[in-house]
Amino acid sequence: MIKIIDLGGPAFMIPLVITLLVILFLMIKGFIKEDSENNRALIGHLSLFALITGILGTTLGLMAAFDAIAVANGISQQVLAFGLRIGLIPTAFGLSIFVLGRLGIIVLILKKNKRL
């Protein structure tokens, strides 16, 4: 996990990890105690924040990578592929947090409606 945070860029990955932990805390709180509309709304906003943060991290990382490629005389396909893969880590992580948050909201709504 530490390696992925380091590869994805700590400036974006650390806020994403913190957002994930807060979402998990709110989901557990919603399961243990009676869920509230505010709790679900906060999970929704945080999950959307994670998605946008991941996309922003990828965009800025790819812009920096393309600047470095433009300066370099020649670059191999393997280096380019690895750089693109690394650049997509924040988006994949942010998207995973988004999906987890949205699934948590669905489960909390089903629990509230006594279907779960």
Protein backbone atom coordinates (compact mmCIF):
# COMPACT_ATOMS: atom_id res chain seq x y z
CA MET A 1 0.00 0.00 0.00
CA ILE A 2 2.85 2.39 0.84
CA LYS A 3 4.46 1.66 -2.54
CA ILE A 4 1.25 2.53 -4.40
CA ILE A 5 0.93 5.79 -2.45
CA ASP A 6 4.51 6.65 -3.32
CA LEU A 7 4.11 5.73 -7.00
CA GLY A 8 0.83 7.61 -7.38
CA GLY A 9 2.28 10.75 -5.85
CA PRO A 10 1.88 11.51 -2.15
CA ALA A 11 0.38 14.96 -2.84
CA PHE A 12 -2.77 13.32 -4.19
CA MET A 13 -2.67 9.82 -2.75
CA ILE A 14 -2.47 10.83 0.92
CA PRO A 15 -5.67 12.94 0.74
CA LEU A 16 -7.31 10.03 -1.08
CA VAL A 17 -6.31 7.60 1.69
CA ILE A 18 -7.63 10.01 4.32
CA THR A 19 -10.88 10.36 2.37
CA LEU A 20 -11.17 6.57 2.18
CA LEU A 21 -10.70 6.24 5.93
CA VAL A 22 -13.34 8.90 6.64
CA ILE A 23 -15.80 7.22 4.27
CA LEU A 24 -15.22 3.85 5.94
CA PHE A 25 -15.71 5.45 9.37
CA LEU A 26 -18.99 7.04 8.27
CA MET A 27 -20.20 3.77 6.77
CA ILE A 28 -19.42 1.83 9.95
CA LYS A 29 -21.08 4.57 12.00
CA GLY A 30 -24.15 4.26 9.77
CA PHE A 31 -24.28 0.49 10.26
CA ILE A 32 -23.84 0.58 14.04
CA LYS A 33 -26.02 3.58 14.83
CA GLU A 34 -29.15 4.72 13.07
CA ASP A 35 -28.16 6.19 9.73
CA SER A 36 -28.99 9.79 8.96
CA GLU A 37 -29.49 11.68 5.73
CA ASN A 38 -26.54 13.92 6.61
CA ASN A 39 -24.27 10.87 6.95
CA ARG A 40 -25.23 9.57 3.50
CA ALA A 41 -24.86 13.04 1.96
CA LEU A 42 -21.39 13.40 3.46
CA ILE A 43 -20.35 9.99 2.11
CA GLY A 44 -21.62 11.05 -1.32
CA HIS A 45 -19.73 14.33 -1.28
CA LEU A 46 -16.52 12.71 -0.04
CA SER A 47 -16.69 9.97 -2.67
CA LEU A 48 -17.13 12.57 -5.40
CA PHE A 49 -14.21 14.54 -3.93
CA ALA A 50 -12.06 11.37 -4.15
CA LEU A 51 -12.98 10.86 -7.80
CA ILE A 52 -12.19 14.44 -8.78
CA THR A 53 -8.96 14.46 -6.75
CA GLY A 54 -7.81 11.30 -8.53
CA ILE A 55 -8.59 12.77 -11.94
CA LEU A 56 -6.77 15.99 -11.05
CA GLY A 57 -3.73 14.01 -9.87
CA THR A 58 -3.62 12.05 -13.10
CA THR A 59 -4.05 15.15 -15.24
CA LEU A 60 -1.24 17.04 -13.54
CA GLY A 61 1.00 13.97 -13.54
CA LEU A 62 0.47 13.35 -17.25
CA MET A 63 1.12 17.00 -18.05
CA ALA A 64 4.45 16.80 -16.23
CA ALA A 65 5.26 13.50 -17.96
CA PHE A 66 4.50 14.93 -21.40
CA ASP A 67 6.71 17.93 -20.64
CA ALA A 68 9.57 15.56 -19.78
CA ILE A 69 8.95 13.53 -22.95
CA ALA A 70 9.02 16.69 -25.07
CA VAL A 71 12.46 17.59 -23.70
CA ALA A 72 13.92 14.09 -24.07
CA ASN A 73 15.62 13.17 -27.34
CA GLY A 74 14.21 9.67 -27.43
CA ILE A 75 12.07 7.57 -25.18
CA SER A 76 11.34 3.85 -25.34
CA GLN A 77 7.85 2.44 -25.52
CA GLN A 78 8.39 0.58 -22.25
CA VAL A 79 9.23 3.78 -20.37
CA LEU A 80 6.21 5.52 -21.88
CA ALA A 81 3.88 2.65 -21.01
CA PHE A 82 5.19 2.47 -17.44
CA GLY A 83 4.81 6.24 -17.03
CA LEU A 84 1.23 6.16 -18.29
CA ARG A 85 0.44 3.25 -15.95
CA ILE A 86 1.87 5.12 -12.98
CA GLY A 87 0.00 8.24 -14.03
CA LEU A 88 -3.34 6.44 -13.88
CA ILE A 89 -2.92 5.24 -10.28
CA PRO A 90 -4.61 8.28 -8.66
CA THR A 91 -7.62 8.03 -10.96
CA ALA A 92 -8.01 4.30 -10.36
CA PHE A 93 -7.74 4.80 -6.60
CA GLY A 94 -10.16 7.74 -6.62
CA LEU A 95 -12.62 5.79 -8.76
CA SER A 96 -12.40 2.82 -6.38
CA ILE A 97 -13.17 5.09 -3.42
CA PHE A 98 -16.07 6.62 -5.36
CA VAL A 99 -17.59 3.22 -6.10
CA LEU A 100 -17.11 2.07 -2.50
CA GLY A 101 -18.79 5.22 -1.20
CA ARG A 102 -21.72 4.87 -3.57
CA LEU A 103 -22.16 1.21 -2.67
CA GLY A 104 -22.08 2.20 1.00
CA ILE A 105 -24.86 4.72 0.39
CA ILE A 106 -26.95 2.06 -1.34
CA VAL A 107 -26.47 -0.38 1.53
CA LEU A 108 -27.31 2.28 4.12
CA ILE A 109 -30.50 3.19 2.25
CA LEU A 110 -31.49 -0.48 2.04
CA LYS A 111 -30.77 -0.87 5.75
CA LYS A 112 -32.90 2.16 6.55
CA ASN A 113 -35.75 0.72 4.50
CA LYS A 114 -35.35 -2.58 6.42
CA ARG A 115 -34.52 -4.56 3.30
CA LEU A 116 -31.09 -5.58 4.48
